[in-house]
C-alpha cells in the first residue's frame, strides 16, 4: 500500500527516464534499435519515477525547494521520438545530460544539482554501471551530486535510510570503483543523506521520515 500511495500521489506520467536520453540503451545495457522509442523498459521507468518522487517528497517535507530538470521535462516531445529521430535533433550534450533535480535550501541561499540513481543492489556490476553513467554526466555537470538508492541493502532487513540511500559527492565518482574496498565498504564510505541535506538532521523527526521511506524502496525489489 505504501508503494502504491507514492506512485499515485507523487509520480508524474510514467514515460520518463532520464538515463535513456544520454545512453539510448535498453535496461540491460544493450544498444537500442534505431526504430525503438526513446523511453526504456516500462518497469525501469516506473522505478526511476518512484525513486525521484520519494526523494523529492522527503526533501520538500524538510523544507527544501525542488525543481525537476532534464531534457524530457523541458521538452517532453522527446519521449515519443524513435532513437533515429532523437539523434537527428542533435541536442547539445549539456542538455541531454541535465541532472534530475535542482534542490534549493528553504532560505534559497544554496542550491544543488542532484541526479537520482536506483539499482536493485550495490554490487561490483552495478557499481561499474553507475560509474560509467555518472562519469559521462559529470564531464558536463562536474558539481552535480548523485543520490544512490538500492532495494536490497547489505544489512538484512535494514530499517534505516542510510542502509538504502547514500550520496555520491561531486569529484568523487571513482569511489564507486575503488578496488581497495569491496562494494560493501565503498557503500559505507559514501555520505549519508543527512550528511549532505542538513535539514534531515534537525530534531523535528525528519530522519524518522527518511527511515520511513525505506519501505517504498524495499518494495521496488519485487517489481
C-alpha atoms as a PDB file:
ATOM      1  CA  UNK A   1       0.000   0.000   0.000  1.00  0.00           C
ATOM      2  CA  UNK A   2       2.837   2.417   0.771  1.00  0.00           C
ATOM      3  CA  UNK A   3       4.404   1.925  -2.642  1.00  0.00           C
ATOM      4  CA  UNK A   4       1.001   2.361  -4.304  1.00  0.00           C
ATOM      5  CA  UNK A   5       0.477   5.603  -2.396  1.00  0.00           C
ATOM      6  CA  UNK A   6       3.803   7.001  -3.527  1.00  0.00           C
ATOM      7  CA  UNK A   7       3.022   6.168  -7.150  1.00  0.00           C
ATOM      8  CA  UNK A   8      -0.443   7.714  -7.048  1.00  0.00           C
ATOM      9  CA  UNK A   9       0.450  10.833  -5.085  1.00  0.00           C
ATOM     10  CA  UNK A  10       3.948  11.709  -6.249  1.00  0.00           C
ATOM     11  CA  UNK A  11       4.726  10.237  -9.656  1.00  0.00           C
ATOM     12  CA  UNK A  12       4.134  12.167 -12.876  1.00  0.00           C
ATOM     13  CA  UNK A  13       3.243  10.262 -16.080  1.00  0.00           C
ATOM     14  CA  UNK A  14       5.341   7.111 -16.310  1.00  0.00           C
ATOM     15  CA  UNK A  15       7.063   7.780 -19.591  1.00  0.00           C
ATOM     16  CA  UNK A  16      10.208   9.463 -18.306  1.00  0.00           C
ATOM     17  CA  UNK A  17      13.592   8.033 -17.517  1.00  0.00           C
ATOM     18  CA  UNK A  18      16.485  10.424 -17.624  1.00  0.00           C
ATOM     19  CA  UNK A  19      19.211   7.871 -18.285  1.00  0.00           C
ATOM     20  CA  UNK A  20      17.538   6.722 -21.503  1.00  0.00           C
ATOM     21  CA  UNK A  21      18.253  10.051 -23.160  1.00  0.00           C
ATOM     22  CA  UNK A  22      22.039  10.208 -22.913  1.00  0.00           C
ATOM     23  CA  UNK A  23      22.725   6.484 -23.227  1.00  0.00           C
ATOM     24  CA  UNK A  24      19.967   5.286 -25.562  1.00  0.00           C
ATOM     25  CA  UNK A  25      20.430   1.800 -24.164  1.00  0.00           C
ATOM     26  CA  UNK A  26      17.936  -0.807 -23.123  1.00  0.00           C
ATOM     27  CA  UNK A  27      17.575  -1.508 -19.440  1.00  0.00           C
ATOM     28  CA  UNK A  28      20.106  -4.351 -19.620  1.00  0.00           C
ATOM     29  CA  UNK A  29      22.746  -2.222 -21.331  1.00  0.00           C
ATOM     30  CA  UNK A  30      22.151  -3.440 -24.880  1.00  0.00           C
ATOM     31  CA  UNK A  31      22.114  -0.834 -27.644  1.00  0.00           C
ATOM     32  CA  UNK A  32      18.537   0.055 -28.520  1.00  0.00           C
ATOM     33  CA  UNK A  33      17.360  -0.475 -32.142  1.00  0.00           C
ATOM     34  CA  UNK A  34      17.054   2.602 -34.332  1.00  0.00           C
ATOM     35  CA  UNK A  35      13.265   2.318 -34.524  1.00  0.00           C
ATOM     36  CA  UNK A  36      12.905   1.951 -30.744  1.00  0.00           C
ATOM     37  CA  UNK A  37      11.076   4.555 -28.737  1.00  0.00           C
ATOM     38  CA  UNK A  38      13.355   6.693 -26.582  1.00  0.00           C
ATOM     39  CA  UNK A  39      11.704   5.590 -23.326  1.00  0.00           C
ATOM     40  CA  UNK A  40      13.246   2.473 -21.811  1.00  0.00           C
ATOM     41  CA  UNK A  41      11.574  -0.593 -20.348  1.00  0.00           C
ATOM     42  CA  UNK A  42       8.328   0.340 -18.590  1.00  0.00           C
ATOM     43  CA  UNK A  43       9.394  -1.267 -15.309  1.00  0.00           C
ATOM     44  CA  UNK A  44      12.619   0.729 -15.303  1.00  0.00           C
ATOM     45  CA  UNK A  45      10.611   3.888 -15.971  1.00  0.00           C
ATOM     46  CA  UNK A  46       8.356   3.158 -13.001  1.00  0.00           C
ATOM     47  CA  UNK A  47      11.323   2.567 -10.690  1.00  0.00           C
ATOM     48  CA  UNK A  48      13.029   5.773 -11.793  1.00  0.00           C
ATOM     49  CA  UNK A  49       9.872   7.808 -11.275  1.00  0.00           C
ATOM     50  CA  UNK A  50       9.264   6.305  -7.841  1.00  0.00           C
ATOM     51  CA  UNK A  51      12.795   6.946  -6.574  1.00  0.00           C
ATOM     52  CA  UNK A  52      12.767  10.532  -7.809  1.00  0.00           C
ATOM     53  CA  UNK A  53       9.341  11.081  -6.231  1.00  0.00           C
ATOM     54  CA  UNK A  54      10.456   9.543  -2.925  1.00  0.00           C
ATOM     55  CA  UNK A  55      13.488  11.828  -2.723  1.00  0.00           C
ATOM     56  CA  UNK A  56      11.562  14.933  -3.816  1.00  0.00           C
ATOM     57  CA  UNK A  57       8.748  14.284  -1.313  1.00  0.00           C
ATOM     58  CA  UNK A  58      11.201  13.695   1.519  1.00  0.00           C
ATOM     59  CA  UNK A  59      13.276  16.810   0.839  1.00  0.00           C
ATOM     60  CA  UNK A  60      10.218  19.006   0.332  1.00  0.00           C
ATOM     61  CA  UNK A  61       8.871  17.797   3.674  1.00  0.00           C
ATOM     62  CA  UNK A  62      12.108  19.050   5.242  1.00  0.00           C
ATOM     63  CA  UNK A  63      11.728  22.484   3.646  1.00  0.00           C
ATOM     64  CA  UNK A  64      13.809  22.150   0.516  1.00  0.00           C
ATOM     65  CA  UNK A  65      12.554  23.609  -2.775  1.00  0.00           C
ATOM     66  CA  UNK A  66      12.572  21.102  -5.649  1.00  0.00           C
ATOM     67  CA  UNK A  67      12.632  21.847  -9.376  1.00  0.00           C
ATOM     68  CA  UNK A  68      12.585  18.982 -11.875  1.00  0.00           C
ATOM     69  CA  UNK A  69      15.114  19.269 -14.677  1.00  0.00           C
ATOM     70  CA  UNK A  70      16.117  17.004 -17.562  1.00  0.00           C
ATOM     71  CA  UNK A  71      15.562  17.298 -21.294  1.00  0.00           C
ATOM     72  CA  UNK A  72      12.357  15.264 -21.081  1.00  0.00           C
ATOM     73  CA  UNK A  73      10.993  17.738 -18.521  1.00  0.00           C
ATOM     74  CA  UNK A  74      11.942  20.779 -20.609  1.00  0.00           C
ATOM     75  CA  UNK A  75      10.972  19.298 -23.971  1.00  0.00           C
ATOM     76  CA  UNK A  76       8.505  16.475 -23.368  1.00  0.00           C
ATOM     77  CA  UNK A  77       8.118  15.579 -27.036  1.00  0.00           C
ATOM     78  CA  UNK A  78      11.441  13.717 -26.999  1.00  0.00           C
ATOM     79  CA  UNK A  79       9.792  10.920 -25.012  1.00  0.00           C
ATOM     80  CA  UNK A  80       7.813   9.897 -28.080  1.00  0.00           C
ATOM     81  CA  UNK A  81      10.547  10.013 -30.705  1.00  0.00           C
ATOM     82  CA  UNK A  82      12.294   6.969 -32.101  1.00  0.00           C
ATOM     83  CA  UNK A  83      16.023   6.744 -31.473  1.00  0.00           C
ATOM     84  CA  UNK A  84      16.973   7.754 -35.013  1.00  0.00           C
ATOM     85  CA  UNK A  85      14.700  10.805 -34.835  1.00  0.00           C
ATOM     86  CA  UNK A  86      16.162  11.761 -31.485  1.00  0.00           C
ATOM     87  CA  UNK A  87      19.688  11.623 -32.881  1.00  0.00           C
ATOM     88  CA  UNK A  88      18.678  13.814 -35.806  1.00  0.00           C
ATOM     89  CA  UNK A  89      17.792  16.560 -33.338  1.00  0.00           C
ATOM     90  CA  UNK A  90      21.496  16.822 -32.380  1.00  0.00           C
ATOM     91  CA  UNK A  91      20.727  18.284 -28.982  1.00  0.00           C
ATOM     92  CA  UNK A  92      23.694  19.709 -27.058  1.00  0.00           C
ATOM     93  CA  UNK A  93      25.164  17.128 -24.694  1.00  0.00           C
ATOM     94  CA  UNK A  94      24.886  19.519 -21.745  1.00  0.00           C
ATOM     95  CA  UNK A  95      21.135  19.492 -22.264  1.00  0.00           C
ATOM     96  CA  UNK A  96      20.899  15.733 -22.695  1.00  0.00           C
ATOM     97  CA  UNK A  97      22.849  15.101 -19.502  1.00  0.00           C
ATOM     98  CA  UNK A  98      20.990  17.525 -17.226  1.00  0.00           C
ATOM     99  CA  UNK A  99      20.651  16.144 -13.674  1.00  0.00           C
ATOM    100  CA  UNK A 100      17.175  15.194 -12.479  1.00  0.00           C
ATOM    101  CA  UNK A 101      16.607  17.809  -9.796  1.00  0.00           C
ATOM    102  CA  UNK A 102      17.606  21.261  -8.609  1.00  0.00           C
ATOM    103  CA  UNK A 103      17.396  21.252  -4.805  1.00  0.00           C
ATOM    104  CA  UNK A 104      17.411  24.633  -3.044  1.00  0.00           C
ATOM    105  CA  UNK A 105      17.515  25.245   0.688  1.00  0.00           C
ATOM    106  CA  UNK A 106      14.457  26.691   2.405  1.00  0.00           C
ATOM    107  CA  UNK A 107      16.223  30.053   2.657  1.00  0.00           C
ATOM    108  CA  UNK A 108      17.150  29.729  -1.042  1.00  0.00           C
ATOM    109  CA  UNK A 109      20.748  30.617  -0.265  1.00  0.00           C
ATOM    110  CA  UNK A 110      22.172  27.315  -1.512  1.00  0.00           C
ATOM    111  CA  UNK A 111      21.207  25.064  -4.402  1.00  0.00           C
ATOM    112  CA  UNK A 112      22.481  21.674  -5.559  1.00  0.00           C
ATOM    113  CA  UNK A 113      22.092  19.789  -8.816  1.00  0.00           C
ATOM    114  CA  UNK A 114      21.054  16.217  -7.983  1.00  0.00           C
ATOM    115  CA  UNK A 115      20.927  13.077 -10.096  1.00  0.00           C
ATOM    116  CA  UNK A 116      18.870  10.167  -8.711  1.00  0.00           C
ATOM    117  CA  UNK A 117      20.038   6.633  -9.479  1.00  0.00           C
ATOM    118  CA  UNK A 118      18.353   3.374  -8.498  1.00  0.00           C
ATOM    119  CA  UNK A 119      19.872  -0.107  -8.553  1.00  0.00           C
ATOM    120  CA  UNK A 120      18.445  -3.248  -7.014  1.00  0.00           C
ATOM    121  CA  UNK A 121      21.668  -3.761  -5.081  1.00  0.00           C
ATOM    122  CA  UNK A 122      25.140  -2.271  -4.900  1.00  0.00           C
ATOM    123  CA  UNK A 123      27.498  -4.922  -6.191  1.00  0.00           C
ATOM    124  CA  UNK A 124      30.517  -4.879  -8.497  1.00  0.00           C
ATOM    125  CA  UNK A 125      28.412  -4.841 -11.641  1.00  0.00           C
ATOM    126  CA  UNK A 126      26.082  -2.063 -10.538  1.00  0.00           C
ATOM    127  CA  UNK A 127      28.993  -0.029  -9.167  1.00  0.00           C
ATOM    128  CA  UNK A 128      30.707  -0.056 -12.575  1.00  0.00           C
ATOM    129  CA  UNK A 129      27.419   0.711 -14.316  1.00  0.00           C
ATOM    130  CA  UNK A 130      26.860   3.712 -12.053  1.00  0.00           C
ATOM    131  CA  UNK A 131      30.429   4.869 -12.565  1.00  0.00           C
ATOM    132  CA  UNK A 132      30.099   4.788 -16.363  1.00  0.00           C
ATOM    133  CA  UNK A 133      26.814   6.702 -16.318  1.00  0.00           C
ATOM    134  CA  UNK A 134      27.797   9.330 -13.764  1.00  0.00           C
ATOM    135  CA  UNK A 135      31.276   9.828 -15.174  1.00  0.00           C
ATOM    136  CA  UNK A 136      29.700  10.775 -18.528  1.00  0.00           C
ATOM    137  CA  UNK A 137      27.274  13.162 -16.876  1.00  0.00           C
ATOM    138  CA  UNK A 138      29.911  14.828 -14.716  1.00  0.00           C
ATOM    139  CA  UNK A 139      32.001  15.754 -17.722  1.00  0.00           C
ATOM    140  CA  UNK A 140      29.240  18.310 -18.356  1.00  0.00           C
ATOM    141  CA  UNK A 141      27.974  18.890 -14.803  1.00  0.00           C
ATOM    142  CA  UNK A 142      31.004  18.360 -12.536  1.00  0.00           C
ATOM    143  CA  UNK A 143      29.338  19.944  -9.490  1.00  0.00           C
ATOM    144  CA  UNK A 144      26.316  17.618  -9.524  1.00  0.00           C
ATOM    145  CA  UNK A 145      25.572  15.292  -6.634  1.00  0.00           C
ATOM    146  CA  UNK A 146      24.121  11.813  -7.089  1.00  0.00           C
ATOM    147  CA  UNK A 147      21.677  10.203  -4.676  1.00  0.00           C
ATOM    148  CA  UNK A 148      22.012   6.423  -4.930  1.00  0.00           C
ATOM    149  CA  UNK A 149      19.117   4.206  -3.879  1.00  0.00           C
ATOM    150  CA  UNK A 150      19.028   0.428  -3.559  1.00  0.00           C
ATOM    151  CA  UNK A 151      16.280  -2.047  -2.679  1.00  0.00           C
ATOM    152  CA  UNK A 152      18.475  -4.782  -1.203  1.00  0.00           C
ATOM    153  CA  UNK A 153      20.838  -3.357   1.436  1.00  0.00           C
ATOM    154  CA  UNK A 154      23.883  -5.006   2.920  1.00  0.00           C
ATOM    155  CA  UNK A 155      22.120  -5.037   6.299  1.00  0.00           C
ATOM    156  CA  UNK A 156      19.473  -7.772   6.243  1.00  0.00           C
ATOM    157  CA  UNK A 157      16.060  -6.209   6.848  1.00  0.00           C
ATOM    158  CA  UNK A 158      17.721  -2.808   7.247  1.00  0.00           C
ATOM    159  CA  UNK A 159      15.478  -0.266   8.961  1.00  0.00           C
ATOM    160  CA  UNK A 160      17.397   2.963   8.428  1.00  0.00           C
ATOM    161  CA  UNK A 161      17.574   5.180   5.384  1.00  0.00           C
ATOM    162  CA  UNK A 162      21.372   5.042   5.234  1.00  0.00           C
ATOM    163  CA  UNK A 163      21.078   1.313   4.518  1.00  0.00           C
ATOM    164  CA  UNK A 164      19.215   2.129   1.287  1.00  0.00           C
ATOM    165  CA  UNK A 165      20.309   5.649   0.352  1.00  0.00           C
ATOM    166  CA  UNK A 166      23.754   7.191   0.004  1.00  0.00           C
ATOM    167  CA  UNK A 167      25.124  10.325  -1.683  1.00  0.00           C
ATOM    168  CA  UNK A 168      27.990  10.499  -4.153  1.00  0.00           C
ATOM    169  CA  UNK A 169      29.522  13.985  -3.910  1.00  0.00           C
ATOM    170  CA  UNK A 170      30.982  15.861  -6.886  1.00  0.00           C
ATOM    171  CA  UNK A 171      34.518  14.871  -7.905  1.00  0.00           C
ATOM    172  CA  UNK A 172      34.182  11.558  -6.050  1.00  0.00           C
ATOM    173  CA  UNK A 173      32.974   9.304  -8.864  1.00  0.00           C
ATOM    174  CA  UNK A 174      35.948   6.958  -8.592  1.00  0.00           C
ATOM    175  CA  UNK A 175      34.813   5.949  -5.099  1.00  0.00           C
ATOM    176  CA  UNK A 176      32.312   3.689  -6.850  1.00  0.00           C
ATOM    177  CA  UNK A 177      35.068   1.518  -8.325  1.00  0.00           C
ATOM    178  CA  UNK A 178      37.713   1.778  -5.605  1.00  0.00           C
ATOM    179  CA  UNK A 179      39.254  -1.705  -5.752  1.00  0.00           C
ATOM    180  CA  UNK A 180      40.859  -1.304  -2.338  1.00  0.00           C
ATOM    181  CA  UNK A 181      37.406  -1.835  -0.847  1.00  0.00           C
ATOM    182  CA  UNK A 182      34.649  -4.396  -1.502  1.00  0.00           C
ATOM    183  CA  UNK A 183      31.267  -2.980  -2.599  1.00  0.00           C
ATOM    184  CA  UNK A 184      30.020  -3.038   0.999  1.00  0.00           C
ATOM    185  CA  UNK A 185      32.960  -0.921   2.133  1.00  0.00           C
ATOM    186  CA  UNK A 186      32.506   1.541  -0.725  1.00  0.00           C
ATOM    187  CA  UNK A 187      28.817   1.928   0.113  1.00  0.00           C
ATOM    188  CA  UNK A 188      29.503   2.600   3.780  1.00  0.00           C
ATOM    189  CA  UNK A 189      32.155   5.140   2.863  1.00  0.00           C
ATOM    190  CA  UNK A 190      29.651   7.286   0.951  1.00  0.00           C
ATOM    191  CA  UNK A 191      27.964  10.153   2.843  1.00  0.00           C
ATOM    192  CA  UNK A 192      24.514   9.568   4.286  1.00  0.00           C
ATOM    193  CA  UNK A 193      21.578  11.638   3.081  1.00  0.00           C
ATOM    194  CA  UNK A 194      21.512  13.788   6.227  1.00  0.00           C
ATOM    195  CA  UNK A 195      25.257  14.466   5.913  1.00  0.00           C
ATOM    196  CA  UNK A 196      24.541  16.490   2.771  1.00  0.00           C
ATOM    197  CA  UNK A 197      20.977  17.655   3.349  1.00  0.00           C
ATOM    198  CA  UNK A 198      21.326  19.008   6.869  1.00  0.00           C
ATOM    199  CA  UNK A 199      17.612  19.666   7.419  1.00  0.00           C
ATOM    200  CA  UNK A 200      17.187  15.897   7.764  1.00  0.00           C
ATOM    201  CA  UNK A 201      19.210  16.046  10.980  1.00  0.00           C
ATOM    202  CA  UNK A 202      17.049  18.512  12.874  1.00  0.00           C
ATOM    203  CA  UNK A 203      15.101  17.454  15.988  1.00  0.00           C
ATOM    204  CA  UNK A 204      11.752  17.627  14.190  1.00  0.00           C
ATOM    205  CA  UNK A 205      11.677  13.978  13.270  1.00  0.00           C
ATOM    206  CA  UNK A 206      12.819  14.324   9.679  1.00  0.00           C
ATOM    207  CA  UNK A 207      15.328  11.497   9.972  1.00  0.00           C
ATOM    208  CA  UNK A 208      12.482   9.249  11.123  1.00  0.00           C
ATOM    209  CA  UNK A 209      10.620  10.220   7.951  1.00  0.00           C
ATOM    210  CA  UNK A 210      13.679   9.271   5.931  1.00  0.00           C
ATOM    211  CA  UNK A 211      13.698   5.870   7.634  1.00  0.00           C
ATOM    212  CA  UNK A 212      10.002   5.516   6.769  1.00  0.00           C
ATOM    213  CA  UNK A 213      10.634   5.696   3.001  1.00  0.00           C
ATOM    214  CA  UNK A 214      12.787   2.578   3.180  1.00  0.00           C
ATOM    215  CA  UNK A 215       9.562   0.560   2.956  1.00  0.00           C
ATOM    216  CA  UNK A 216       8.930   2.002  -0.512  1.00  0.00           C
ATOM    217  CA  UNK A 217      12.469   1.252  -1.646  1.00  0.00           C
ATOM    218  CA  UNK A 218      12.290  -2.352  -0.413  1.00  0.00           C
ATOM    219  CA  UNK A 219       9.113  -2.799  -2.429  1.00  0.00           C
ATOM    220  CA  UNK A 220      10.967  -1.992  -5.642  1.00  0.00           C
ATOM    221  CA  UNK A 221      12.851  -5.284  -5.458  1.00  0.00           C
ATOM    222  CA  UNK A 222       9.599  -7.045  -6.312  1.00  0.00           C
ATOM    223  CA  UNK A 223       8.896  -5.034  -9.453  1.00  0.00           C
END
